[in-house]
């Protein structure tokens, strides 16, 4: 009985090792695919894509800038709330930098 259980464990371990190897290969493949997609996103369309018109590209960049500015404003508001609540999300070293960013944001909003 002990020998049979040992053989079952060995068989089960061998099966798990095979599955582990398969999953590692799949993980590597997905990482490569992810890097490739990230590079494509950074570099833009390849040579097989039609070139975008300068106006279209400028409009897309303006839209992206707007989204990034909105994310930045939301992050600053979150940090302001954390700082006002005295939460530890903002360290003392970052507090001065946060004050500068908030001051810049306030000045920009006044300029608009």
PDB file of N, CA and C in Angstrom:
ATOM      1  N   UNK A   1       0.827  -1.197   0.000  1.00  0.00           N
ATOM      2  CA  UNK A   1       0.000   0.000   0.000  1.00  0.00           C
ATOM      3  C   UNK A   1       0.868   1.257   0.000  1.00  0.00           C
ATOM      4  N   UNK A   2       1.919   1.274   0.810  1.00  0.00           N
ATOM      5  CA  UNK A   2       2.822   2.429   0.869  1.00  0.00           C
ATOM      6  C   UNK A   2       3.515   2.635  -0.468  1.00  0.00           C
ATOM      7  N   UNK A   3       3.912   1.536  -1.110  1.00  0.00           N
ATOM      8  CA  UNK A   3       4.557   1.653  -2.432  1.00  0.00           C
ATOM      9  C   UNK A   3       3.587   2.213  -3.467  1.00  0.00           C
ATOM     10  N   UNK A   4       2.338   1.763  -3.419  1.00  0.00           N
ATOM     11  CA  UNK A   4       1.337   2.255  -4.361  1.00  0.00           C
ATOM     12  C   UNK A   4       1.109   3.759  -4.155  1.00  0.00           C
ATOM     13  N   UNK A   5       1.006   4.191  -2.898  1.00  0.00           N
ATOM     14  CA  UNK A   5       0.814   5.614  -2.622  1.00  0.00           C
ATOM     15  C   UNK A   5       2.021   6.431  -3.076  1.00  0.00           C
ATOM     16  N   UNK A   6       3.219   5.873  -2.877  1.00  0.00           N
ATOM     17  CA  UNK A   6       4.425   6.576  -3.323  1.00  0.00           C
ATOM     18  C   UNK A   6       4.419   6.736  -4.837  1.00  0.00           C
ATOM     19  N   UNK A   7       4.047   5.671  -5.555  1.00  0.00           N
ATOM     20  CA  UNK A   7       3.990   5.743  -7.012  1.00  0.00           C
ATOM     21  C   UNK A   7       2.947   6.758  -7.472  1.00  0.00           C
ATOM     22  N   UNK A   8       1.808   6.798  -6.787  1.00  0.00           N
ATOM     23  CA  UNK A   8       0.778   7.776  -7.139  1.00  0.00           C
ATOM     24  C   UNK A   8       1.282   9.197  -6.932  1.00  0.00           C
ATOM     25  N   UNK A   9       1.968   9.437  -5.811  1.00  0.00           N
ATOM     26  CA  UNK A   9       2.520  10.768  -5.552  1.00  0.00           C
ATOM     27  C   UNK A   9       3.545  11.142  -6.604  1.00  0.00           C
ATOM     28  N   UNK A  10       4.412  10.196  -6.956  1.00  0.00           N
ATOM     29  CA  UNK A  10       5.423  10.471  -7.980  1.00  0.00           C
ATOM     30  C   UNK A  10       4.764  10.778  -9.320  1.00  0.00           C
ATOM     31  N   UNK A  11       3.729   9.989  -9.670  1.00  0.00           N
ATOM     32  CA  UNK A  11       3.020  10.224 -10.922  1.00  0.00           C
ATOM     33  C   UNK A  11       2.353  11.599 -10.890  1.00  0.00           C
ATOM     34  N   UNK A  12       1.709  11.920  -9.761  1.00  0.00           N
ATOM     35  CA  UNK A  12       1.037  13.206  -9.611  1.00  0.00           C
ATOM     36  C   UNK A  12       2.054  14.351  -9.686  1.00  0.00           C
ATOM     37  N   UNK A  13       3.196  14.209  -9.029  1.00  0.00           N
ATOM     38  CA  UNK A  13       4.245  15.237  -9.076  1.00  0.00           C
ATOM     39  C   UNK A  13       4.773  15.422 -10.486  1.00  0.00           C
ATOM     40  N   UNK A  14       4.952  14.327 -11.217  1.00  0.00           N
ATOM     41  CA  UNK A  14       5.431  14.418 -12.600  1.00  0.00           C
ATOM     42  C   UNK A  14       4.411  15.175 -13.454  1.00  0.00           C
ATOM     43  N   UNK A  15       3.133  14.895 -13.241  1.00  0.00           N
ATOM     44  CA  UNK A  15       2.088  15.587 -13.988  1.00  0.00           C
ATOM     45  C   UNK A  15       2.080  17.078 -13.645  1.00  0.00           C
ATOM     46  N   UNK A  16       2.259  17.391 -12.362  1.00  0.00           N
ATOM     47  CA  UNK A  16       2.306  18.794 -11.952  1.00  0.00           C
ATOM     48  C   UNK A  16       3.526  19.502 -12.530  1.00  0.00           C
ATOM     49  N   UNK A  17       4.665  18.826 -12.603  1.00  0.00           N
ATOM     50  CA  UNK A  17       5.864  19.422 -13.208  1.00  0.00           C
ATOM     51  C   UNK A  17       5.629  19.718 -14.686  1.00  0.00           C
ATOM     52  N   UNK A  18       4.970  18.795 -15.388  1.00  0.00           N
ATOM     53  CA  UNK A  18       4.659  19.038 -16.796  1.00  0.00           C
ATOM     54  C   UNK A  18       3.727  20.233 -16.958  1.00  0.00           C
ATOM     55  N   UNK A  19       2.711  20.294 -16.122  1.00  0.00           N
ATOM     56  CA  UNK A  19       1.779  21.417 -16.177  1.00  0.00           C
ATOM     57  C   UNK A  19       2.501  22.721 -15.858  1.00  0.00           C
ATOM     58  N   UNK A  20       3.395  22.687 -14.886  1.00  0.00           N
ATOM     59  CA  UNK A  20       4.167  23.863 -14.511  1.00  0.00           C
ATOM     60  C   UNK A  20       5.029  24.333 -15.682  1.00  0.00           C
ATOM     61  N   UNK A  21       5.680  23.405 -16.356  1.00  0.00           N
ATOM     62  CA  UNK A  21       6.512  23.747 -17.507  1.00  0.00           C
ATOM     63  C   UNK A  21       5.658  24.364 -18.613  1.00  0.00           C
ATOM     64  N   UNK A  22       4.476  23.775 -18.851  1.00  0.00           N
ATOM     65  CA  UNK A  22       3.576  24.312 -19.870  1.00  0.00           C
ATOM     66  C   UNK A  22       3.140  25.731 -19.510  1.00  0.00           C
ATOM     67  N   UNK A  23       2.830  25.950 -18.248  1.00  0.00           N
ATOM     68  CA  UNK A  23       2.397  27.277 -17.815  1.00  0.00           C
ATOM     69  C   UNK A  23       3.536  28.297 -17.900  1.00  0.00           C
ATOM     70  N   UNK A  24       4.759  27.868 -17.611  1.00  0.00           N
ATOM     71  CA  UNK A  24       5.909  28.782 -17.749  1.00  0.00           C
ATOM     72  C   UNK A  24       6.078  29.218 -19.191  1.00  0.00           C
ATOM     73  N   UNK A  25       5.957  28.250 -20.117  1.00  0.00           N
ATOM     74  CA  UNK A  25       6.065  28.589 -21.538  1.00  0.00           C
ATOM     75  C   UNK A  25       4.959  29.555 -21.956  1.00  0.00           C
ATOM     76  N   UNK A  26       3.746  29.295 -21.504  1.00  0.00           N
ATOM     77  CA  UNK A  26       2.627  30.179 -21.826  1.00  0.00           C
ATOM     78  C   UNK A  26       2.862  31.574 -21.239  1.00  0.00           C
ATOM     79  N   UNK A  27       3.388  31.617 -20.035  1.00  0.00           N
ATOM     80  CA  UNK A  27       3.674  32.890 -19.382  1.00  0.00           C
ATOM     81  C   UNK A  27       4.722  33.675 -20.185  1.00  0.00           C
ATOM     82  N   UNK A  28       5.780  32.996 -20.624  1.00  0.00           N
ATOM     83  CA  UNK A  28       6.799  33.660 -21.449  1.00  0.00           C
ATOM     84  C   UNK A  28       6.207  34.197 -22.738  1.00  0.00           C
ATOM     85  N   UNK A  29       5.361  33.375 -23.369  1.00  0.00           N
ATOM     86  CA  UNK A  29       4.732  33.804 -24.621  1.00  0.00           C
ATOM     87  C   UNK A  29       3.873  35.046 -24.391  1.00  0.00           C
ATOM     88  N   UNK A  30       3.111  35.049 -23.312  1.00  0.00           N
ATOM     89  CA  UNK A  30       2.260  36.199 -23.022  1.00  0.00           C
ATOM     90  C   UNK A  30       3.084  37.433 -22.688  1.00  0.00           C
ATOM     91  N   UNK A  31       4.198  37.262 -21.997  1.00  0.00           N
ATOM     92  CA  UNK A  31       5.073  38.411 -21.711  1.00  0.00           C
ATOM     93  C   UNK A  31       5.634  39.002 -22.999  1.00  0.00           C
ATOM     94  N   UNK A  32       6.086  38.118 -23.915  1.00  0.00           N
ATOM     95  CA  UNK A  32       6.596  38.603 -25.206  1.00  0.00           C
ATOM     96  C   UNK A  32       5.504  39.353 -25.960  1.00  0.00           C
ATOM     97  N   UNK A  33       4.311  38.775 -25.973  1.00  0.00           N
ATOM     98  CA  UNK A  33       3.200  39.414 -26.665  1.00  0.00           C
ATOM     99  C   UNK A  33       2.881  40.768 -26.029  1.00  0.00           C
ATOM    100  N   UNK A  34       2.914  40.818 -24.711  1.00  0.00           N
ATOM    101  CA  UNK A  34       2.642  42.060 -23.997  1.00  0.00           C
ATOM    102  C   UNK A  34       3.689  43.119 -24.343  1.00  0.00           C
ATOM    103  N   UNK A  35       4.969  42.733 -24.341  1.00  0.00           N
ATOM    104  CA  UNK A  35       6.033  43.683 -24.702  1.00  0.00           C
ATOM    105  C   UNK A  35       5.853  44.183 -26.123  1.00  0.00           C
ATOM    106  N   UNK A  36       5.498  43.272 -27.012  1.00  0.00           N
ATOM    107  CA  UNK A  36       5.303  43.652 -28.417  1.00  0.00           C
ATOM    108  C   UNK A  36       4.151  44.645 -28.548  1.00  0.00           C
ATOM    109  N   UNK A  37       3.044  44.363 -27.879  1.00  0.00           N
ATOM    110  CA  UNK A  37       1.899  45.268 -27.944  1.00  0.00           C
ATOM    111  C   UNK A  37       2.229  46.616 -27.321  1.00  0.00           C
ATOM    112  N   UNK A  38       2.993  46.604 -26.228  1.00  0.00           N
ATOM    113  CA  UNK A  38       3.376  47.855 -25.581  1.00  0.00           C
ATOM    114  C   UNK A  38       4.268  48.670 -26.510  1.00  0.00           C
ATOM    115  N   UNK A  39       5.233  48.006 -27.166  1.00  0.00           N
ATOM    116  CA  UNK A  39       6.101  48.703 -28.117  1.00  0.00           C
ATOM    117  C   UNK A  39       5.282  49.298 -29.255  1.00  0.00           C
ATOM    118  N   UNK A  40       4.327  48.527 -29.759  1.00  0.00           N
ATOM    119  CA  UNK A  40       3.491  49.034 -30.852  1.00  0.00           C
ATOM    120  C   UNK A  40       2.712  50.260 -30.409  1.00  0.00           C
ATOM    121  N   UNK A  41       2.215  50.230 -29.182  1.00  0.00           N
ATOM    122  CA  UNK A  41       1.460  51.378 -28.679  1.00  0.00           C
ATOM    123  C   UNK A  41       2.359  52.599 -28.555  1.00  0.00           C
ATOM    124  N   UNK A  42       3.607  52.380 -28.147  1.00  0.00           N
ATOM    125  CA  UNK A  42       4.531  53.500 -28.006  1.00  0.00           C
ATOM    126  C   UNK A  42       4.984  54.044 -29.351  1.00  0.00           C
ATOM    127  N   UNK A  43       5.260  53.150 -30.276  1.00  0.00           N
ATOM    128  CA  UNK A  43       5.818  53.562 -31.557  1.00  0.00           C
ATOM    129  C   UNK A  43       4.753  53.982 -32.566  1.00  0.00           C
ATOM    130  N   UNK A  44       3.515  53.646 -32.313  1.00  0.00           N
ATOM    131  CA  UNK A  44       2.452  54.005 -33.235  1.00  0.00           C
ATOM    132  C   UNK A  44       2.297  52.956 -34.315  1.00  0.00           C
ATOM    133  N   UNK A  45       1.502  53.260 -35.325  1.00  0.00           N
ATOM    134  CA  UNK A  45       1.230  52.277 -36.374  1.00  0.00           C
ATOM    135  C   UNK A  45       2.488  51.958 -37.182  1.00  0.00           C
ATOM    136  N   UNK A  46       2.574  50.724 -37.609  1.00  0.00           N
ATOM    137  CA  UNK A  46       3.730  50.277 -38.390  1.00  0.00           C
ATOM    138  C   UNK A  46       3.647  50.734 -39.831  1.00  0.00           C
ATOM    139  N   UNK A  47       4.601  50.299 -40.657  1.00  0.00           N
ATOM    140  CA  UNK A  47       4.634  50.746 -42.057  1.00  0.00           C
ATOM    141  C   UNK A  47       3.451  50.239 -42.875  1.00  0.00           C
ATOM    142  N   UNK A  48       2.787  49.162 -42.415  1.00  0.00           N
ATOM    143  CA  UNK A  48       1.652  48.647 -43.165  1.00  0.00           C
ATOM    144  C   UNK A  48       0.370  49.426 -42.883  1.00  0.00           C
ATOM    145  N   UNK A  49       0.396  50.286 -41.886  1.00  0.00           N
ATOM    146  CA  UNK A  49      -0.767  51.118 -41.565  1.00  0.00           C
ATOM    147  C   UNK A  49      -0.716  52.392 -42.391  1.00  0.00           C
ATOM    148  N   UNK A  50      -1.883  52.932 -42.687  1.00  0.00           N
ATOM    149  CA  UNK A  50      -1.883  54.169 -43.461  1.00  0.00           C
ATOM    150  C   UNK A  50      -1.402  55.311 -42.572  1.00  0.00           C
ATOM    151  N   UNK A  51      -0.608  56.205 -43.119  1.00  0.00           N
ATOM    152  CA  UNK A  51      -0.145  57.323 -42.296  1.00  0.00           C
ATOM    153  C   UNK A  51      -1.321  58.230 -41.934  1.00  0.00           C
ATOM    154  N   UNK A  52      -1.309  58.685 -40.704  1.00  0.00           N
ATOM    155  CA  UNK A  52      -2.395  59.567 -40.283  1.00  0.00           C
ATOM    156  C   UNK A  52      -2.112  60.981 -40.771  1.00  0.00           C
ATOM    157  N   UNK A  53      -3.155  61.692 -40.991  1.00  0.00           N
ATOM    158  CA  UNK A  53      -3.032  63.085 -41.386  1.00  0.00           C
ATOM    159  C   UNK A  53      -2.491  63.869 -40.194  1.00  0.00           C
ATOM    160  N   UNK A  54      -1.699  64.904 -40.463  1.00  0.00           N
ATOM    161  CA  UNK A  54      -1.173  65.701 -39.346  1.00  0.00           C
ATOM    162  C   UNK A  54      -2.279  66.255 -38.455  1.00  0.00           C
ATOM    163  N   UNK A  55      -3.379  66.654 -39.027  1.00  0.00           N
ATOM    164  CA  UNK A  55      -4.501  67.165 -38.238  1.00  0.00           C
ATOM    165  C   UNK A  55      -5.094  66.098 -37.341  1.00  0.00           C
ATOM    166  N   UNK A  56      -5.221  64.866 -37.889  1.00  0.00           N
ATOM    167  CA  UNK A  56      -5.757  63.762 -37.104  1.00  0.00           C
ATOM    168  C   UNK A  56      -4.823  63.435 -35.946  1.00  0.00           C
ATOM    169  N   UNK A  57      -3.528  63.412 -36.245  1.00  0.00           N
ATOM    170  CA  UNK A  57      -2.550  63.096 -35.209  1.00  0.00           C
ATOM    171  C   UNK A  57      -2.558  64.163 -34.116  1.00  0.00           C
ATOM    172  N   UNK A  58      -2.627  65.426 -34.522  1.00  0.00           N
ATOM    173  CA  UNK A  58      -2.653  66.519 -33.553  1.00  0.00           C
ATOM    174  C   UNK A  58      -3.904  66.428 -32.688  1.00  0.00           C
ATOM    175  N   UNK A  59      -5.035  66.110 -33.305  1.00  0.00           N
ATOM    176  CA  UNK A  59      -6.283  65.986 -32.543  1.00  0.00           C
ATOM    177  C   UNK A  59      -6.204  64.823 -31.559  1.00  0.00           C
ATOM    178  N   UNK A  60      -5.632  63.710 -31.993  1.00  0.00           N
ATOM    179  CA  UNK A  60      -5.478  62.553 -31.102  1.00  0.00           C
ATOM    180  C   UNK A  60      -4.553  62.896 -29.934  1.00  0.00           C
ATOM    181  N   UNK A  61      -3.476  63.624 -30.237  1.00  0.00           N
ATOM    182  CA  UNK A  61      -2.559  64.016 -29.166  1.00  0.00           C
ATOM    183  C   UNK A  61      -3.215  64.999 -28.201  1.00  0.00           C
ATOM    184  N   UNK A  62      -4.041  65.917 -28.730  1.00  0.00           N
ATOM    185  CA  UNK A  62      -4.761  66.855 -27.856  1.00  0.00           C
ATOM    186  C   UNK A  62      -5.722  66.104 -26.944  1.00  0.00           C
ATOM    187  N   UNK A  63      -6.408  65.120 -27.499  1.00  0.00           N
ATOM    188  CA  UNK A  63      -7.344  64.332 -26.697  1.00  0.00           C
ATOM    189  C   UNK A  63      -6.596  63.551 -25.615  1.00  0.00           C
ATOM    190  N   UNK A  64      -5.466  62.968 -25.998  1.00  0.00           N
ATOM    191  CA  UNK A  64      -4.659  62.226 -25.025  1.00  0.00           C
ATOM    192  C   UNK A  64      -4.139  63.161 -23.931  1.00  0.00           C
ATOM    193  N   UNK A  65      -3.695  64.349 -24.318  1.00  0.00           N
ATOM    194  CA  UNK A  65      -3.222  65.327 -23.345  1.00  0.00           C
ATOM    195  C   UNK A  65      -4.344  65.711 -22.382  1.00  0.00           C
ATOM    196  N   UNK A  66      -5.526  65.912 -22.911  1.00  0.00           N
ATOM    197  CA  UNK A  66      -6.673  66.242 -22.055  1.00  0.00           C
ATOM    198  C   UNK A  66      -6.954  65.145 -21.045  1.00  0.00           C
ATOM    199  N   UNK A  67      -6.908  63.888 -21.508  1.00  0.00           N
ATOM    200  CA  UNK A  67      -7.145  62.765 -20.586  1.00  0.00           C
ATOM    201  C   UNK A  67      -6.072  62.710 -19.513  1.00  0.00           C
ATOM    202  N   UNK A  68      -4.819  62.912 -19.909  1.00  0.00           N
ATOM    203  CA  UNK A  68      -3.729  62.885 -18.938  1.00  0.00           C
ATOM    204  C   UNK A  68      -3.834  64.034 -17.938  1.00  0.00           C
ATOM    205  N   UNK A  69      -4.222  65.216 -18.427  1.00  0.00           N
ATOM    206  CA  UNK A  69      -4.388  66.344 -17.513  1.00  0.00           C
ATOM    207  C   UNK A  69      -5.513  66.081 -16.513  1.00  0.00           C
ATOM    208  N   UNK A  70      -6.587  65.452 -16.979  1.00  0.00           N
ATOM    209  CA  UNK A  70      -7.686  65.138 -16.065  1.00  0.00           C
ATOM    210  C   UNK A  70      -7.246  64.109 -15.024  1.00  0.00           C
ATOM    211  N   UNK A  71      -6.498  63.103 -15.432  1.00  0.00           N
ATOM    212  CA  UNK A  71      -5.971  62.125 -14.472  1.00  0.00           C
ATOM    213  C   UNK A  71      -5.076  62.819 -13.456  1.00  0.00           C
ATOM    214  N   UNK A  72      -4.262  63.745 -13.927  1.00  0.00           N
ATOM    215  CA  UNK A  72      -3.364  64.485 -13.043  1.00  0.00           C
ATOM    216  C   UNK A  72      -4.163  65.304 -12.033  1.00  0.00           C
ATOM    217  N   UNK A  73      -5.206  65.974 -12.501  1.00  0.00           N
ATOM    218  CA  UNK A  73      -6.048  66.762 -11.590  1.00  0.00           C
ATOM    219  C   UNK A  73      -6.710  65.876 -10.544  1.00  0.00           C
ATOM    220  N   UNK A  74      -7.217  64.708 -10.976  1.00  0.00           N
ATOM    221  CA  UNK A  74      -7.853  63.801 -10.012  1.00  0.00           C
ATOM    222  C   UNK A  74      -6.848  63.299  -8.985  1.00  0.00           C
ATOM    223  N   UNK A  75      -5.628  62.986  -9.433  1.00  0.00           N
ATOM    224  CA  UNK A  75      -4.598  62.522  -8.499  1.00  0.00           C
ATOM    225  C   UNK A  75      -4.236  63.618  -7.507  1.00  0.00           C
ATOM    226  N   UNK A  76      -4.134  64.851  -7.986  1.00  0.00           N
ATOM    227  CA  UNK A  76      -3.835  65.960  -7.078  1.00  0.00           C
ATOM    228  C   UNK A  76      -4.957  66.172  -6.069  1.00  0.00           C
ATOM    229  N   UNK A  77      -6.207  66.060  -6.529  1.00  0.00           N
ATOM    230  CA  UNK A  77      -7.324  66.219  -5.591  1.00  0.00           C
ATOM    231  C   UNK A  77      -7.288  65.115  -4.531  1.00  0.00           C
ATOM    232  N   UNK A  78      -6.974  63.892  -4.967  1.00  0.00           N
ATOM    233  CA  UNK A  78      -6.871  62.780  -4.015  1.00  0.00           C
ATOM    234  C   UNK A  78      -5.765  63.048  -2.998  1.00  0.00           C
ATOM    235  N   UNK A  79      -4.617  63.499  -3.479  1.00  0.00           N
ATOM    236  CA  UNK A  79      -3.515  63.797  -2.570  1.00  0.00           C
ATOM    237  C   UNK A  79      -3.865  64.940  -1.628  1.00  0.00           C
ATOM    238  N   UNK A  80      -4.583  65.924  -2.151  1.00  0.00           N
ATOM    239  CA  UNK A  80      -5.000  67.051  -1.302  1.00  0.00           C
ATOM    240  C   UNK A  80      -5.915  66.548  -0.186  1.00  0.00           C
ATOM    241  N   UNK A  81      -6.865  65.666  -0.542  1.00  0.00           N
ATOM    242  CA  UNK A  81      -7.764  65.117   0.487  1.00  0.00           C
ATOM    243  C   UNK A  81      -6.993  64.290   1.502  1.00  0.00           C
ATOM    244  N   UNK A  82      -6.046  63.485   1.019  1.00  0.00           N
ATOM    245  CA  UNK A  82      -5.231  62.666   1.935  1.00  0.00           C
ATOM    246  C   UNK A  82      -4.413  63.555   2.859  1.00  0.00           C
ATOM    247  N   UNK A  83      -3.839  64.594   2.309  1.00  0.00           N
ATOM    248  CA  UNK A  83      -3.023  65.502   3.102  1.00  0.00           C
ATOM    249  C   UNK A  83      -3.883  66.232   4.128  1.00  0.00           C
ATOM    250  N   UNK A  84      -5.079  66.674   3.721  1.00  0.00           N
ATOM    251  CA  UNK A  84      -5.964  67.393   4.628  1.00  0.00           C
ATOM    252  C   UNK A  84      -6.463  66.479   5.749  1.00  0.00           C
ATOM    253  N   UNK A  85      -6.642  65.205   5.419  1.00  0.00           N
ATOM    254  CA  UNK A  85      -7.134  64.258   6.425  1.00  0.00           C
ATOM    255  C   UNK A  85      -6.001  63.768   7.319  1.00  0.00           C
ATOM    256  N   UNK A  86      -4.767  64.150   6.993  1.00  0.00           N
ATOM    257  CA  UNK A  86      -3.630  63.715   7.797  1.00  0.00           C
ATOM    258  C   UNK A  86      -3.314  62.247   7.623  1.00  0.00           C
ATOM    259  N   UNK A  87      -3.727  61.688   6.485  1.00  0.00           N
ATOM    260  CA  UNK A  87      -3.472  60.273   6.241  1.00  0.00           C
ATOM    261  C   UNK A  87      -2.015  60.058   5.870  1.00  0.00           C
ATOM    262  N   UNK A  88      -1.496  58.887   6.153  1.00  0.00           N
ATOM    263  CA  UNK A  88      -0.083  58.606   5.857  1.00  0.00           C
ATOM    264  C   UNK A  88       0.208  58.346   4.394  1.00  0.00           C
ATOM    265  N   UNK A  89      -0.791  58.523   3.497  1.00  0.00           N
ATOM    266  CA  UNK A  89      -0.552  58.301   2.069  1.00  0.00           C
ATOM    267  C   UNK A  89       0.485  59.274   1.528  1.00  0.00           C
ATOM    268  N   UNK A  90       0.629  60.419   2.191  1.00  0.00           N
ATOM    269  CA  UNK A  90       1.560  61.445   1.742  1.00  0.00           C
ATOM    270  C   UNK A  90       2.624  61.602   2.819  1.00  0.00           C
ATOM    271  N   UNK A  91       3.868  61.277   2.483  1.00  0.00           N
ATOM    272  CA  UNK A  91       4.947  61.400   3.461  1.00  0.00           C
ATOM    273  C   UNK A  91       5.352  62.857   3.602  1.00  0.00           C
ATOM    274  N   UNK A  92       6.116  63.145   4.642  1.00  0.00           N
ATOM    275  CA  UNK A  92       6.555  64.518   4.880  1.00  0.00           C
ATOM    276  C   UNK A  92       7.442  65.014   3.747  1.00  0.00           C
ATOM    277  N   UNK A  93       8.262  64.149   3.183  1.00  0.00           N
ATOM    278  CA  UNK A  93       9.149  64.545   2.083  1.00  0.00           C
ATOM    279  C   UNK A  93       8.341  64.908   0.841  1.00  0.00           C
ATOM    280  N   UNK A  94       7.257  64.175   0.610  1.00  0.00           N
ATOM    281  CA  UNK A  94       6.437  64.444  -0.565  1.00  0.00           C
ATOM    282  C   UNK A  94       5.503  65.615  -0.342  1.00  0.00           C
ATOM    283  N   UNK A  95       5.308  66.000   0.911  1.00  0.00           N
ATOM    284  CA  UNK A  95       4.351  67.049   1.223  1.00  0.00           C
ATOM    285  C   UNK A  95       4.740  68.383   0.576  1.00  0.00           C
ATOM    286  N   UNK A  96       6.042  68.729   0.593  1.00  0.00           N
ATOM    287  CA  UNK A  96       6.490  69.963  -0.043  1.00  0.00           C
ATOM    288  C   UNK A  96       6.264  69.931  -1.536  1.00  0.00           C
ATOM    289  N   UNK A  97       6.564  68.784  -2.141  1.00  0.00           N
ATOM    290  CA  UNK A  97       6.338  68.638  -3.583  1.00  0.00           C
ATOM    291  C   UNK A  97       4.850  68.720  -3.896  1.00  0.00           C
ATOM    292  N   UNK A  98       4.028  68.121  -3.044  1.00  0.00           N
ATOM    293  CA  UNK A  98       2.586  68.193  -3.233  1.00  0.00           C
ATOM    294  C   UNK A  98       2.108  69.636  -3.161  1.00  0.00           C
ATOM    295  N   UNK A  99       2.627  70.391  -2.188  1.00  0.00           N
ATOM    296  CA  UNK A  99       2.242  71.803  -2.079  1.00  0.00           C
ATOM    297  C   UNK A  99       2.591  72.561  -3.351  1.00  0.00           C
ATOM    298  N   UNK A 100       3.774  72.290  -3.917  1.00  0.00           N
ATOM    299  CA  UNK A 100       4.169  72.952  -5.166  1.00  0.00           C
ATOM    300  C   UNK A 100       3.221  72.586  -6.295  1.00  0.00           C
ATOM    301  N   UNK A 101       2.902  71.296  -6.420  1.00  0.00           N
ATOM    302  CA  UNK A 101       1.998  70.854  -7.485  1.00  0.00           C
ATOM    303  C   UNK A 101       0.618  71.465  -7.324  1.00  0.00           C
ATOM    304  N   UNK A 102       0.135  71.503  -6.086  1.00  0.00           N
ATOM    305  CA  UNK A 102      -1.183  72.086  -5.847  1.00  0.00           C
ATOM    306  C   UNK A 102      -1.188  73.569  -6.162  1.00  0.00           C
ATOM    307  N   UNK A 103      -0.100  74.260  -5.815  1.00  0.00           N
ATOM    308  CA  UNK A 103       0.006  75.687  -6.110  1.00  0.00           C
ATOM    309  C   UNK A 103       0.013  75.911  -7.619  1.00  0.00           C
ATOM    310  N   UNK A 104       0.794  75.103  -8.345  1.00  0.00           N
ATOM    311  CA  UNK A 104       0.819  75.211  -9.808  1.00  0.00           C
ATOM    312  C   UNK A 104      -0.568  74.960 -10.389  1.00  0.00           C
ATOM    313  N   UNK A 105      -1.256  73.928  -9.871  1.00  0.00           N
ATOM    314  CA  UNK A 105      -2.599  73.597 -10.365  1.00  0.00           C
ATOM    315  C   UNK A 105      -3.558  74.754 -10.107  1.00  0.00           C
ATOM    316  N   UNK A 106      -3.471  75.343  -8.915  1.00  0.00           N
ATOM    317  CA  UNK A 106      -4.338  76.487  -8.603  1.00  0.00           C
ATOM    318  C   UNK A 106      -4.052  77.662  -9.546  1.00  0.00           C
ATOM    319  N   UNK A 107      -2.765  77.938  -9.794  1.00  0.00           N
ATOM    320  CA  UNK A 107      -2.403  79.027 -10.698  1.00  0.00           C
ATOM    321  C   UNK A 107      -2.903  78.774 -12.099  1.00  0.00           C
ATOM    322  N   UNK A 108      -2.765  77.516 -12.570  1.00  0.00           N
ATOM    323  CA  UNK A 108      -3.247  77.189 -13.912  1.00  0.00           C
ATOM    324  C   UNK A 108      -4.750  77.343 -14.009  1.00  0.00           C
ATOM    325  N   UNK A 109      -5.470  76.931 -12.961  1.00  0.00           N
ATOM    326  CA  UNK A 109      -6.922  77.056 -13.014  1.00  0.00           C
ATOM    327  C   UNK A 109      -7.358  78.520 -12.974  1.00  0.00           C
ATOM    328  N   UNK A 110      -6.577  79.381 -12.283  1.00  0.00           N
ATOM    329  CA  UNK A 110      -6.887  80.804 -12.269  1.00  0.00           C
ATOM    330  C   UNK A 110      -6.610  81.447 -13.628  1.00  0.00           C
ATOM    331  N   UNK A 111      -5.550  80.957 -14.322  1.00  0.00           N
ATOM    332  CA  UNK A 111      -5.207  81.496 -15.635  1.00  0.00           C
ATOM    333  C   UNK A 111      -6.292  81.181 -16.671  1.00  0.00           C
ATOM    334  N   UNK A 112      -6.978  80.077 -16.485  1.00  0.00           N
ATOM    335  CA  UNK A 112      -8.016  79.669 -17.445  1.00  0.00           C
ATOM    336  C   UNK A 112      -9.224  80.454 -17.174  1.00  0.00           C
TER     337      UNK A 112
END
